[in-house]
Amino acid sequence: MDRIGYPGGTLLWQPARFAWVQARCCAFSCALLGGLALSVLLPPLPVARYDLLLVYGMLLTGAGFALGWETPREVAVVAVCHVLGLVFELVKVRTGSWSYPEPALTKVAGVPLYGGFMYAAVGSYVCRSWRLLDLALTGYRAHVTAVLSGALYLNFLTRHWLPDLRWPLGAVLLAATAGVRVHFTVGGRRHRMPLALSFVLIGFFLWLAENIATYFGAWRYPYQLHGWEPVSASKWISWALLISVTFVVCRACRPARPGDPAAVTPRFPVPEVPSRGPESGTRTRTQTRVRTGTGTGQGVFAGWVVRIPAIKEQEWFEGGRGQGRCPGRGGRLFGLLSSLW
């Protein structure tokens, strides 16, 4: 196997590590789907299956907290997602989008209370991903994204009476998340990907999970009442848009973390480097993110020679209008951003 340029990592090991971490992130979701599948095999019982699934979901939530799958803050996020999901279900079942054909004592307006656990499982996945993958965001527009995700949620509720604006809202959300990057850690290595792409990928796997859930009778679409059929691929797009709601809720409940790329404080003083531009007067640039190493070295930064501690890992330097990448230890050319302003 070929090395990909960092200690302990190989071209094949990184995807395997990522898959393993993703499996851990999906612990609650997989356990919920597993219980749903096993419930089909149960013999006739005096308790309705939907009621048993509600008890199972509650026990699963308690076990997850006891085993450390979720922190108290994450349990609160999962509860919020459960409530948002139940409201969504109440509207959708009433309008005939899908139904829960089996009887149950814990049904409210045709919706069994266990139905909210499907959305709680999504919240659990996002929370655990944030913690296990050490997620961080750059370029994230918190207020704009929150408003758009709320508008999408309301649109999916009101589209039965008002014009369906999912496509215009989706286009605006895509524009708002353009340039936003999700940074995550796998095997000690930092990676990044566009936030919009992560929504699309999560939406795809939620669509697959929905196919599994409907196959085992979690709920039924009108075209599945007389026999199971695959869920329409259009639901993939719906999930890709709705995941923004869960993402905003989880992100808003995360404690401030000093390691976020958008808010990194250098561990040693970084000198301001003056640079004269074409305009009159002198401006300054400052390296805004540096990871420390050992030893000292020097490099060229905007035409100036700067001595700093050696850099062990590749890292971003930001200043003025440009960005550059530091390729290695001190003594190399680490910050040639631009000699012109």
C-alpha atoms as a PDB file:
ATOM      1  CA  MET A   1       0.000   0.000   0.000  1.00  0.00           C
ATOM      2  CA  ASP A   2       1.213   3.471  -0.849  1.00  0.00           C
ATOM      3  CA  ARG A   3       1.780   6.084   1.780  1.00  0.00           C
ATOM      4  CA  ILE A   4      -0.161   9.268   1.283  1.00  0.00           C
ATOM      5  CA  GLY A   5       2.303  11.558   2.951  1.00  0.00           C
ATOM      6  CA  TYR A   6       1.805  11.434   6.702  1.00  0.00           C
ATOM      7  CA  PRO A   7       2.914   9.087   9.478  1.00  0.00           C
ATOM      8  CA  GLY A   8       0.786   6.026  10.096  1.00  0.00           C
ATOM      9  CA  GLY A   9      -1.571   6.576   7.178  1.00  0.00           C
ATOM     10  CA  THR A  10      -2.038   4.699   3.928  1.00  0.00           C
ATOM     11  CA  LEU A  11      -4.229   5.086   0.934  1.00  0.00           C
ATOM     12  CA  LEU A  12      -6.491   2.250   2.075  1.00  0.00           C
ATOM     13  CA  TRP A  13      -6.370   2.739   5.822  1.00  0.00           C
ATOM     14  CA  GLN A  14      -7.933   6.198   5.796  1.00  0.00           C
ATOM     15  CA  PRO A  15     -11.225   5.127   4.127  1.00  0.00           C
ATOM     16  CA  ALA A  16     -11.375   2.157   6.512  1.00  0.00           C
ATOM     17  CA  ARG A  17     -10.844   4.427   9.509  1.00  0.00           C
ATOM     18  CA  PHE A  18     -13.454   6.851   8.213  1.00  0.00           C
ATOM     19  CA  ALA A  19     -15.958   4.016   7.709  1.00  0.00           C
ATOM     20  CA  TRP A  20     -15.334   2.789  11.260  1.00  0.00           C
ATOM     21  CA  VAL A  21     -15.891   6.243  12.754  1.00  0.00           C
ATOM     22  CA  GLN A  22     -19.046   6.644  10.663  1.00  0.00           C
ATOM     23  CA  ALA A  23     -20.318   3.313  11.993  1.00  0.00           C
ATOM     24  CA  ARG A  24     -19.774   4.596  15.533  1.00  0.00           C
ATOM     25  CA  CYS A  25     -21.605   7.808  14.664  1.00  0.00           C
ATOM     26  CA  CYS A  26     -24.551   5.721  13.429  1.00  0.00           C
ATOM     27  CA  ALA A  27     -24.717   3.580  16.589  1.00  0.00           C
ATOM     28  CA  PHE A  28     -28.126   4.912  17.662  1.00  0.00           C
ATOM     29  CA  SER A  29     -29.524   4.817  14.115  1.00  0.00           C
ATOM     30  CA  CYS A  30     -28.321   1.268  13.445  1.00  0.00           C
ATOM     31  CA  ALA A  31     -29.662   0.046  16.785  1.00  0.00           C
ATOM     32  CA  LEU A  32     -33.023   1.662  16.030  1.00  0.00           C
ATOM     33  CA  LEU A  33     -33.234   0.106  12.556  1.00  0.00           C
ATOM     34  CA  GLY A  34     -32.116  -3.232  14.001  1.00  0.00           C
ATOM     35  CA  GLY A  35     -34.893  -3.142  16.587  1.00  0.00           C
ATOM     36  CA  LEU A  36     -37.383  -2.226  13.876  1.00  0.00           C
ATOM     37  CA  ALA A  37     -36.288  -5.205  11.771  1.00  0.00           C
ATOM     38  CA  LEU A  38     -36.437  -7.616  14.717  1.00  0.00           C
ATOM     39  CA  SER A  39     -39.905  -6.398  15.698  1.00  0.00           C
ATOM     40  CA  VAL A  40     -41.270  -7.884  12.469  1.00  0.00           C
ATOM     41  CA  LEU A  41     -40.172 -11.345  13.648  1.00  0.00           C
ATOM     42  CA  LEU A  42     -41.969 -11.141  17.000  1.00  0.00           C
ATOM     43  CA  PRO A  43     -44.924 -13.475  17.566  1.00  0.00           C
ATOM     44  CA  PRO A  44     -48.357 -11.925  18.198  1.00  0.00           C
ATOM     45  CA  LEU A  45     -48.255 -10.010  21.487  1.00  0.00           C
ATOM     46  CA  PRO A  46     -50.890  -8.207  23.557  1.00  0.00           C
ATOM     47  CA  VAL A  47     -48.884  -5.001  23.064  1.00  0.00           C
ATOM     48  CA  ALA A  48     -48.920  -3.212  19.714  1.00  0.00           C
ATOM     49  CA  ARG A  49     -45.653  -3.167  17.791  1.00  0.00           C
ATOM     50  CA  TYR A  50     -45.580   0.634  17.575  1.00  0.00           C
ATOM     51  CA  ASP A  51     -45.928   0.822  21.374  1.00  0.00           C
ATOM     52  CA  LEU A  52     -43.061  -1.631  21.815  1.00  0.00           C
ATOM     53  CA  LEU A  53     -40.926   0.448  19.470  1.00  0.00           C
ATOM     54  CA  LEU A  54     -41.621   3.538  21.584  1.00  0.00           C
ATOM     55  CA  VAL A  55     -40.436   1.736  24.722  1.00  0.00           C
ATOM     56  CA  TYR A  56     -37.439   0.391  22.820  1.00  0.00           C
ATOM     57  CA  GLY A  57     -36.512   3.871  21.609  1.00  0.00           C
ATOM     58  CA  MET A  58     -36.703   5.272  25.136  1.00  0.00           C
ATOM     59  CA  LEU A  59     -34.573   2.431  26.515  1.00  0.00           C
ATOM     60  CA  LEU A  60     -32.110   2.922  23.680  1.00  0.00           C
ATOM     61  CA  THR A  61     -31.816   6.620  24.475  1.00  0.00           C
ATOM     62  CA  GLY A  62     -31.213   5.874  28.153  1.00  0.00           C
ATOM     63  CA  ALA A  63     -28.668   3.183  27.326  1.00  0.00           C
ATOM     64  CA  GLY A  64     -26.859   5.521  24.942  1.00  0.00           C
ATOM     65  CA  PHE A  65     -26.543   8.119  27.674  1.00  0.00           C
ATOM     66  CA  ALA A  66     -25.419   5.535  30.247  1.00  0.00           C
ATOM     67  CA  LEU A  67     -22.834   4.089  27.847  1.00  0.00           C
ATOM     68  CA  GLY A  68     -21.506   7.511  26.928  1.00  0.00           C
ATOM     69  CA  TRP A  69     -22.817   7.531  23.367  1.00  0.00           C
ATOM     70  CA  GLU A  70     -24.327  10.950  24.044  1.00  0.00           C
ATOM     71  CA  THR A  71     -23.517  13.709  26.482  1.00  0.00           C
ATOM     72  CA  PRO A  72     -26.328  15.488  28.387  1.00  0.00           C
ATOM     73  CA  ARG A  73     -26.160  18.350  25.881  1.00  0.00           C
ATOM     74  CA  GLU A  74     -26.462  15.914  22.978  1.00  0.00           C
ATOM     75  CA  VAL A  75     -29.422  14.153  24.606  1.00  0.00           C
ATOM     76  CA  ALA A  76     -31.136  17.556  24.740  1.00  0.00           C
ATOM     77  CA  VAL A  77     -30.411  18.060  21.022  1.00  0.00           C
ATOM     78  CA  VAL A  78     -31.832  14.613  20.253  1.00  0.00           C
ATOM     79  CA  ALA A  79     -34.971  15.520  22.226  1.00  0.00           C
ATOM     80  CA  VAL A  80     -35.384  18.734  20.211  1.00  0.00           C
ATOM     81  CA  CYS A  81     -35.037  16.757  16.968  1.00  0.00           C
ATOM     82  CA  HIS A  82     -37.642  14.292  18.283  1.00  0.00           C
ATOM     83  CA  VAL A  83     -40.142  17.108  18.884  1.00  0.00           C
ATOM     84  CA  LEU A  84     -39.453  18.717  15.494  1.00  0.00           C
ATOM     85  CA  GLY A  85     -39.936  15.318  13.892  1.00  0.00           C
ATOM     86  CA  LEU A  86     -43.253  14.695  15.640  1.00  0.00           C
ATOM     87  CA  VAL A  87     -44.607  18.067  14.504  1.00  0.00           C
ATOM     88  CA  PHE A  88     -43.503  17.221  10.979  1.00  0.00           C
ATOM     89  CA  GLU A  89     -45.187  13.815  11.204  1.00  0.00           C
ATOM     90  CA  LEU A  90     -48.472  15.245  12.500  1.00  0.00           C
ATOM     91  CA  VAL A  91     -48.775  17.546   9.495  1.00  0.00           C
ATOM     92  CA  LYS A  92     -47.637  15.000   6.920  1.00  0.00           C
ATOM     93  CA  VAL A  93     -49.880  12.187   8.143  1.00  0.00           C
ATOM     94  CA  ARG A  94     -52.873  14.512   8.267  1.00  0.00           C
ATOM     95  CA  THR A  95     -52.278  15.584   4.658  1.00  0.00           C
ATOM     96  CA  GLY A  96     -51.891  11.963   3.508  1.00  0.00           C
ATOM     97  CA  SER A  97     -48.207  12.060   2.559  1.00  0.00           C
ATOM     98  CA  TRP A  98     -47.711   8.753   4.397  1.00  0.00           C
ATOM     99  CA  SER A  99     -49.431   6.748   7.111  1.00  0.00           C
ATOM    100  CA  TYR A 100     -48.927   4.357  10.020  1.00  0.00           C
ATOM    101  CA  PRO A 101     -51.417   1.583   9.275  1.00  0.00           C
ATOM    102  CA  GLU A 102     -50.895  -0.528  12.410  1.00  0.00           C
ATOM    103  CA  PRO A 103     -52.892   0.101  15.615  1.00  0.00           C
ATOM    104  CA  ALA A 104     -51.257   1.492  18.757  1.00  0.00           C
ATOM    105  CA  LEU A 105     -52.239   3.024  22.076  1.00  0.00           C
ATOM    106  CA  THR A 106     -49.587   5.713  21.767  1.00  0.00           C
ATOM    107  CA  LYS A 107     -50.931   7.204  18.547  1.00  0.00           C
ATOM    108  CA  VAL A 108     -51.747  10.911  18.435  1.00  0.00           C
ATOM    109  CA  ALA A 109     -53.731  12.054  15.376  1.00  0.00           C
ATOM    110  CA  GLY A 110     -52.611   8.917  13.554  1.00  0.00           C
ATOM    111  CA  VAL A 111     -48.928   9.330  14.457  1.00  0.00           C
ATOM    112  CA  PRO A 112     -47.295   6.884  16.902  1.00  0.00           C
ATOM    113  CA  LEU A 113     -45.005   8.671  19.324  1.00  0.00           C
ATOM    114  CA  TYR A 114     -42.117   6.434  18.356  1.00  0.00           C
ATOM    115  CA  GLY A 115     -42.095   8.158  14.946  1.00  0.00           C
ATOM    116  CA  GLY A 116     -40.072  11.032  16.379  1.00  0.00           C
ATOM    117  CA  PHE A 117     -37.164   8.675  17.034  1.00  0.00           C
ATOM    118  CA  MET A 118     -36.454   8.550  13.305  1.00  0.00           C
ATOM    119  CA  TYR A 119     -35.547  12.230  13.437  1.00  0.00           C
ATOM    120  CA  ALA A 120     -33.862  11.820  16.818  1.00  0.00           C
ATOM    121  CA  ALA A 121     -31.580   9.230  15.208  1.00  0.00           C
ATOM    122  CA  VAL A 122     -30.505  11.823  12.635  1.00  0.00           C
ATOM    123  CA  GLY A 123     -29.778  14.293  15.434  1.00  0.00           C
ATOM    124  CA  SER A 124     -27.754  11.638  17.262  1.00  0.00           C
ATOM    125  CA  TYR A 125     -25.707  10.988  14.125  1.00  0.00           C
ATOM    126  CA  VAL A 126     -24.863  14.666  13.617  1.00  0.00           C
ATOM    127  CA  CYS A 127     -23.973  15.159  17.300  1.00  0.00           C
ATOM    128  CA  ARG A 128     -21.729  12.111  17.415  1.00  0.00           C
ATOM    129  CA  SER A 129     -20.100  13.055  14.113  1.00  0.00           C
ATOM    130  CA  TRP A 130     -19.304  16.484  15.508  1.00  0.00           C
ATOM    131  CA  ARG A 131     -17.589  14.945  18.510  1.00  0.00           C
ATOM    132  CA  LEU A 132     -15.936  11.825  17.056  1.00  0.00           C
ATOM    133  CA  LEU A 133     -14.723  13.517  13.874  1.00  0.00           C
ATOM    134  CA  ASP A 134     -13.815  16.746  15.693  1.00  0.00           C
ATOM    135  CA  LEU A 135     -15.804  18.823  13.211  1.00  0.00           C
ATOM    136  CA  ALA A 136     -15.064  22.486  12.642  1.00  0.00           C
ATOM    137  CA  LEU A 137     -16.372  24.993  10.107  1.00  0.00           C
ATOM    138  CA  THR A 138     -14.783  27.770   8.101  1.00  0.00           C
ATOM    139  CA  GLY A 139     -16.752  30.437   6.285  1.00  0.00           C
ATOM    140  CA  TYR A 140     -19.993  29.386   7.976  1.00  0.00           C
ATOM    141  CA  ARG A 141     -22.805  31.965   7.870  1.00  0.00           C
ATOM    142  CA  ALA A 142     -24.706  30.978  10.993  1.00  0.00           C
ATOM    143  CA  HIS A 143     -27.637  33.406  10.877  1.00  0.00           C
ATOM    144  CA  VAL A 144     -28.307  33.075   7.148  1.00  0.00           C
ATOM    145  CA  THR A 145     -28.134  29.271   7.272  1.00  0.00           C
ATOM    146  CA  ALA A 146     -30.442  29.164  10.303  1.00  0.00           C
ATOM    147  CA  VAL A 147     -33.043  31.366   8.597  1.00  0.00           C
ATOM    148  CA  LEU A 148     -32.929  29.314   5.394  1.00  0.00           C
ATOM    149  CA  SER A 149     -33.175  25.974   7.209  1.00  0.00           C
ATOM    150  CA  GLY A 150     -36.159  27.277   9.174  1.00  0.00           C
ATOM    151  CA  ALA A 151     -37.781  28.463   5.947  1.00  0.00           C
ATOM    152  CA  LEU A 152     -37.228  25.031   4.379  1.00  0.00           C
ATOM    153  CA  TYR A 153     -38.783  23.295   7.386  1.00  0.00           C
ATOM    154  CA  LEU A 154     -41.847  25.551   7.222  1.00  0.00           C
ATOM    155  CA  ASN A 155     -42.068  25.114   3.454  1.00  0.00           C
ATOM    156  CA  PHE A 156     -42.259  21.333   3.789  1.00  0.00           C
ATOM    157  CA  LEU A 157     -45.100  21.812   6.282  1.00  0.00           C
ATOM    158  CA  THR A 158     -47.065  24.396   4.287  1.00  0.00           C
ATOM    159  CA  ARG A 159     -46.467  23.170   0.731  1.00  0.00           C
ATOM    160  CA  HIS A 160     -49.882  21.466   0.787  1.00  0.00           C
ATOM    161  CA  TRP A 161     -51.624  24.851   1.022  1.00  0.00           C
ATOM    162  CA  LEU A 162     -49.006  27.327  -0.214  1.00  0.00           C
ATOM    163  CA  PRO A 163     -46.627  27.261  -3.202  1.00  0.00           C
ATOM    164  CA  ASP A 164     -43.768  24.793  -2.853  1.00  0.00           C
ATOM    165  CA  LEU A 165     -40.560  26.841  -2.672  1.00  0.00           C
ATOM    166  CA  ARG A 166     -38.084  24.059  -1.979  1.00  0.00           C
ATOM    167  CA  TRP A 167     -36.152  24.619  -5.205  1.00  0.00           C
ATOM    168  CA  PRO A 168     -35.701  28.403  -4.820  1.00  0.00           C
ATOM    169  CA  LEU A 169     -34.880  27.982  -1.132  1.00  0.00           C
ATOM    170  CA  GLY A 170     -32.503  25.137  -1.943  1.00  0.00           C
ATOM    171  CA  ALA A 171     -30.727  27.319  -4.501  1.00  0.00           C
ATOM    172  CA  VAL A 172     -30.342  30.126  -1.957  1.00  0.00           C
ATOM    173  CA  LEU A 173     -29.065  27.626   0.635  1.00  0.00           C
ATOM    174  CA  LEU A 174     -26.519  26.364  -1.890  1.00  0.00           C
ATOM    175  CA  ALA A 175     -25.358  29.931  -2.470  1.00  0.00           C
ATOM    176  CA  ALA A 176     -25.200  30.615   1.280  1.00  0.00           C
ATOM    177  CA  THR A 177     -23.055  27.535   1.891  1.00  0.00           C
ATOM    178  CA  ALA A 178     -20.763  28.152  -1.078  1.00  0.00           C
ATOM    179  CA  GLY A 179     -17.231  28.297   0.234  1.00  0.00           C
ATOM    180  CA  VAL A 180     -18.177  26.792   3.608  1.00  0.00           C
ATOM    181  CA  ARG A 181     -15.881  23.910   4.515  1.00  0.00           C
ATOM    182  CA  VAL A 182     -16.320  21.165   7.089  1.00  0.00           C
ATOM    183  CA  HIS A 183     -13.006  20.162   8.672  1.00  0.00           C
ATOM    184  CA  PHE A 184     -12.816  16.711  10.255  1.00  0.00           C
ATOM    185  CA  THR A 185     -10.193  14.376  11.680  1.00  0.00           C
ATOM    186  CA  VAL A 186      -9.610  10.767  10.639  1.00  0.00           C
ATOM    187  CA  GLY A 187      -6.673   8.869  12.106  1.00  0.00           C
ATOM    188  CA  GLY A 188      -4.974  12.046  13.288  1.00  0.00           C
ATOM    189  CA  ARG A 189      -5.192  13.637   9.845  1.00  0.00           C
ATOM    190  CA  ARG A 190      -7.317  16.725   9.146  1.00  0.00           C
ATOM    191  CA  HIS A 191      -9.483  16.715   6.035  1.00  0.00           C
ATOM    192  CA  ARG A 192     -12.093  19.068   4.688  1.00  0.00           C
ATOM    193  CA  MET A 193     -15.040  18.995   2.325  1.00  0.00           C
ATOM    194  CA  PRO A 194     -17.760  21.429   1.175  1.00  0.00           C
ATOM    195  CA  LEU A 195     -20.693  21.671   3.569  1.00  0.00           C
ATOM    196  CA  ALA A 196     -23.179  21.416   0.686  1.00  0.00           C
ATOM    197  CA  LEU A 197     -21.595  18.132  -0.426  1.00  0.00           C
ATOM    198  CA  SER A 198     -21.935  16.731   3.095  1.00  0.00           C
ATOM    199  CA  PHE A 199     -25.667  17.564   3.014  1.00  0.00           C
ATOM    200  CA  VAL A 200     -26.060  15.690  -0.282  1.00  0.00           C
ATOM    201  CA  LEU A 201     -24.168  12.634   0.988  1.00  0.00           C
ATOM    202  CA  ILE A 202     -26.078  12.493   4.279  1.00  0.00           C
ATOM    203  CA  GLY A 203     -29.338  12.909   2.362  1.00  0.00           C
ATOM    204  CA  PHE A 204     -28.455   9.914   0.200  1.00  0.00           C
ATOM    205  CA  PHE A 205     -27.854   7.631   3.178  1.00  0.00           C
ATOM    206  CA  LEU A 206     -31.023   8.874   4.867  1.00  0.00           C
ATOM    207  CA  TRP A 207     -32.902   7.951   1.709  1.00  0.00           C
ATOM    208  CA  LEU A 208     -31.386   4.447   1.907  1.00  0.00           C
ATOM    209  CA  ALA A 209     -32.374   4.216   5.583  1.00  0.00           C
ATOM    210  CA  GLU A 210     -35.907   5.277   4.675  1.00  0.00           C
ATOM    211  CA  ASN A 211     -36.106   2.430   2.174  1.00  0.00           C
ATOM    212  CA  ILE A 212     -35.062  -0.013   4.905  1.00  0.00           C
ATOM    213  CA  ALA A 213     -37.516   1.462   7.414  1.00  0.00           C
ATOM    214  CA  THR A 214     -40.490   1.321   5.054  1.00  0.00           C
ATOM    215  CA  TYR A 215     -39.561  -2.229   4.041  1.00  0.00           C
ATOM    216  CA  PHE A 216     -40.002  -3.264   7.681  1.00  0.00           C
ATOM    217  CA  GLY A 217     -43.248  -1.320   8.015  1.00  0.00           C
ATOM    218  CA  ALA A 218     -42.102   1.689  10.030  1.00  0.00           C
ATOM    219  CA  TRP A 219     -44.580   3.706   7.941  1.00  0.00           C
ATOM    220  CA  ARG A 220     -46.111   3.463   4.482  1.00  0.00           C
ATOM    221  CA  TYR A 221     -46.352   5.778   1.529  1.00  0.00           C
ATOM    222  CA  PRO A 222     -49.644   5.568  -0.400  1.00  0.00           C
ATOM    223  CA  TYR A 223     -48.003   3.554  -3.192  1.00  0.00           C
ATOM    224  CA  GLN A 224     -46.666   1.052  -0.612  1.00  0.00           C
ATOM    225  CA  LEU A 225     -49.972   0.125   1.033  1.00  0.00           C
ATOM    226  CA  HIS A 226     -50.485  -2.945  -1.163  1.00  0.00           C
ATOM    227  CA  GLY A 227     -46.858  -4.023  -1.270  1.00  0.00           C
ATOM    228  CA  TRP A 228     -43.463  -2.497  -0.671  1.00  0.00           C
ATOM    229  CA  GLU A 229     -41.877  -0.395  -3.399  1.00  0.00           C
ATOM    230  CA  PRO A 230     -38.649   1.625  -3.287  1.00  0.00           C
ATOM    231  CA  VAL A 231     -39.001   5.142  -1.945  1.00  0.00           C
ATOM    232  CA  SER A 232     -38.978   7.776  -4.657  1.00  0.00           C
ATOM    233  CA  ALA A 233     -35.527   9.184  -5.387  1.00  0.00           C
ATOM    234  CA  SER A 234     -36.984  12.684  -4.967  1.00  0.00           C
ATOM    235  CA  LYS A 235     -36.886  12.025  -1.209  1.00  0.00           C
ATOM    236  CA  TRP A 236     -33.096  12.120  -1.477  1.00  0.00           C
ATOM    237  CA  ILE A 237     -33.309  15.822  -2.352  1.00  0.00           C
ATOM    238  CA  SER A 238     -35.822  16.407   0.436  1.00  0.00           C
ATOM    239  CA  TRP A 239     -33.506  14.823   2.997  1.00  0.00           C
ATOM    240  CA  ALA A 240     -30.511  16.764   1.670  1.00  0.00           C
ATOM    241  CA  LEU A 241     -32.456  19.972   2.338  1.00  0.00           C
ATOM    242  CA  LEU A 242     -33.978  18.918   5.667  1.00  0.00           C
ATOM    243  CA  ILE A 243     -30.633  17.828   7.112  1.00  0.00           C
ATOM    244  CA  SER A 244     -29.782  21.527   7.268  1.00  0.00           C
ATOM    245  CA  VAL A 245     -32.368  21.877  10.064  1.00  0.00           C
ATOM    246  CA  THR A 246     -30.695  19.185  12.172  1.00  0.00           C
ATOM    247  CA  PHE A 247     -27.278  20.627  11.391  1.00  0.00           C
ATOM    248  CA  VAL A 248     -28.282  24.120  12.532  1.00  0.00           C
ATOM    249  CA  VAL A 249     -29.805  22.793  15.773  1.00  0.00           C
ATOM    250  CA  CYS A 250     -26.741  20.683  16.573  1.00  0.00           C
ATOM    251  CA  ARG A 251     -24.304  23.445  15.717  1.00  0.00           C
ATOM    252  CA  ALA A 252     -26.200  26.014  17.803  1.00  0.00           C
ATOM    253  CA  CYS A 253     -26.030  23.726  20.841  1.00  0.00           C
ATOM    254  CA  ARG A 254     -22.324  23.009  20.519  1.00  0.00           C
ATOM    255  CA  PRO A 255     -20.095  24.715  23.099  1.00  0.00           C
ATOM    256  CA  ALA A 256     -17.539  27.177  21.786  1.00  0.00           C
ATOM    257  CA  ARG A 257     -14.356  25.323  20.884  1.00  0.00           C
ATOM    258  CA  PRO A 258     -11.016  27.117  20.672  1.00  0.00           C
ATOM    259  CA  GLY A 259      -9.773  24.673  18.046  1.00  0.00           C
ATOM    260  CA  ASP A 260     -12.157  25.820  15.332  1.00  0.00           C
ATOM    261  CA  PRO A 261     -10.207  26.972  12.269  1.00  0.00           C
ATOM    262  CA  ALA A 262     -12.227  30.168  12.258  1.00  0.00           C
ATOM    263  CA  ALA A 263     -11.138  31.066  15.766  1.00  0.00           C
ATOM    264  CA  VAL A 264      -7.629  29.771  16.361  1.00  0.00           C
ATOM    265  CA  THR A 265      -5.292  31.607  18.680  1.00  0.00           C
ATOM    266  CA  PRO A 266      -1.610  31.052  17.849  1.00  0.00           C
ATOM    267  CA  ARG A 267       0.369  29.368  20.605  1.00  0.00           C
ATOM    268  CA  PHE A 268       3.288  31.762  20.184  1.00  0.00           C
ATOM    269  CA  PRO A 269       3.407  35.455  19.250  1.00  0.00           C
ATOM    270  CA  VAL A 270       3.176  36.110  15.532  1.00  0.00           C
ATOM    271  CA  PRO A 271       4.787  39.343  14.350  1.00  0.00           C
ATOM    272  CA  GLU A 272       2.879  41.695  12.161  1.00  0.00           C
ATOM    273  CA  VAL A 273       4.522  41.937   8.763  1.00  0.00           C
ATOM    274  CA  PRO A 274       4.170  45.290   7.014  1.00  0.00           C
ATOM    275  CA  SER A 275       3.584  45.305   3.296  1.00  0.00           C
ATOM    276  CA  ARG A 276       3.287  48.351   1.065  1.00  0.00           C
ATOM    277  CA  GLY A 277       0.580  48.188  -1.545  1.00  0.00           C
ATOM    278  CA  PRO A 278      -0.155  50.186  -4.653  1.00  0.00           C
ATOM    279  CA  GLU A 279      -2.307  52.543  -2.608  1.00  0.00           C
ATOM    280  CA  SER A 280      -0.682  55.244  -0.546  1.00  0.00           C
ATOM    281  CA  GLY A 281       0.227  54.389   3.009  1.00  0.00           C
ATOM    282  CA  THR A 282       1.394  51.191   4.649  1.00  0.00           C
ATOM    283  CA  ARG A 283      -0.794  48.250   5.587  1.00  0.00           C
ATOM    284  CA  THR A 284      -0.024  45.274   7.727  1.00  0.00           C
ATOM    285  CA  ARG A 285      -0.728  41.590   7.416  1.00  0.00           C
ATOM    286  CA  THR A 286      -0.845  39.118  10.224  1.00  0.00           C
ATOM    287  CA  GLN A 287      -0.557  35.360  10.137  1.00  0.00           C
ATOM    288  CA  THR A 288      -3.804  34.298  11.761  1.00  0.00           C
ATOM    289  CA  ARG A 289      -3.236  30.594  12.187  1.00  0.00           C
ATOM    290  CA  VAL A 290      -0.043  28.742  13.061  1.00  0.00           C
ATOM    291  CA  ARG A 291       0.584  25.338  14.602  1.00  0.00           C
ATOM    292  CA  THR A 292       3.715  25.102  16.698  1.00  0.00           C
ATOM    293  CA  GLY A 293       6.509  22.599  16.458  1.00  0.00           C
ATOM    294  CA  THR A 294      10.071  22.527  17.722  1.00  0.00           C
ATOM    295  CA  GLY A 295      13.177  24.419  16.725  1.00  0.00           C
ATOM    296  CA  THR A 296      13.306  27.580  14.685  1.00  0.00           C
ATOM    297  CA  GLY A 297      13.390  28.411  11.044  1.00  0.00           C
ATOM    298  CA  GLN A 298      12.798  31.265   8.676  1.00  0.00           C
ATOM    299  CA  GLY A 299      10.699  31.862   5.619  1.00  0.00           C
ATOM    300  CA  VAL A 300       9.701  34.552   3.188  1.00  0.00           C
ATOM    301  CA  PHE A 301       6.405  36.262   3.925  1.00  0.00           C
ATOM    302  CA  ALA A 302       5.274  39.036   1.571  1.00  0.00           C
ATOM    303  CA  GLY A 303       8.872  39.967   0.812  1.00  0.00           C
ATOM    304  CA  TRP A 304      10.004  39.925   4.463  1.00  0.00           C
ATOM    305  CA  VAL A 305      12.144  37.340   6.219  1.00  0.00           C
ATOM    306  CA  VAL A 306      10.427  36.119   9.376  1.00  0.00           C
ATOM    307  CA  ARG A 307      11.879  33.742  11.958  1.00  0.00           C
ATOM    308  CA  ILE A 308       9.349  31.463  13.646  1.00  0.00           C
ATOM    309  CA  PRO A 309       9.352  28.057  15.375  1.00  0.00           C
ATOM    310  CA  ALA A 310       9.439  25.122  12.988  1.00  0.00           C
ATOM    311  CA  ILE A 311       6.148  23.762  11.690  1.00  0.00           C
ATOM    312  CA  LYS A 312       5.483  20.052  12.033  1.00  0.00           C
ATOM    313  CA  GLU A 313       2.313  19.801   9.994  1.00  0.00           C
ATOM    314  CA  GLN A 314       0.860  21.460   6.962  1.00  0.00           C
ATOM    315  CA  GLU A 315      -1.163  24.440   8.043  1.00  0.00           C
ATOM    316  CA  TRP A 316      -2.967  27.419   6.617  1.00  0.00           C
ATOM    317  CA  PHE A 317      -1.703  30.976   6.772  1.00  0.00           C
ATOM    318  CA  GLU A 318      -4.128  33.784   6.216  1.00  0.00           C
ATOM    319  CA  GLY A 319      -3.461  37.441   5.724  1.00  0.00           C
ATOM    320  CA  GLY A 320      -4.516  40.269   3.504  1.00  0.00           C
ATOM    321  CA  ARG A 321      -6.250  38.937   0.420  1.00  0.00           C
ATOM    322  CA  GLY A 322      -4.493  35.632  -0.067  1.00  0.00           C
ATOM    323  CA  GLN A 323      -3.857  32.266   1.529  1.00  0.00           C
ATOM    324  CA  GLY A 324      -0.855  29.998   1.312  1.00  0.00           C
ATOM    325  CA  ARG A 325       0.037  26.532   2.543  1.00  0.00           C
ATOM    326  CA  CYS A 326       3.028  25.765   4.708  1.00  0.00           C
ATOM    327  CA  PRO A 327       4.613  22.592   3.259  1.00  0.00           C
ATOM    328  CA  GLY A 328       6.814  21.451   6.126  1.00  0.00           C
ATOM    329  CA  ARG A 329       9.504  22.348   8.644  1.00  0.00           C
ATOM    330  CA  GLY A 330      11.253  25.650   9.216  1.00  0.00           C
ATOM    331  CA  GLY A 331      13.810  26.625   6.652  1.00  0.00           C
ATOM    332  CA  ARG A 332      11.398  25.918   3.774  1.00  0.00           C
ATOM    333  CA  LEU A 333       9.398  28.449   1.897  1.00  0.00           C
ATOM    334  CA  PHE A 334       6.323  28.450   4.143  1.00  0.00           C
ATOM    335  CA  GLY A 335       4.321  31.575   3.516  1.00  0.00           C
ATOM    336  CA  LEU A 336       4.836  33.146   0.122  1.00  0.00           C
ATOM    337  CA  LEU A 337       1.367  34.630  -0.183  1.00  0.00           C
ATOM    338  CA  SER A 338       2.071  37.564  -2.382  1.00  0.00           C
ATOM    339  CA  SER A 339       4.691  40.236  -2.683  1.00  0.00           C
ATOM    340  CA  LEU A 340       2.042  42.676  -3.820  1.00  0.00           C
ATOM    341  CA  TRP A 341      -0.960  43.853  -1.816  1.00  0.00           C
END
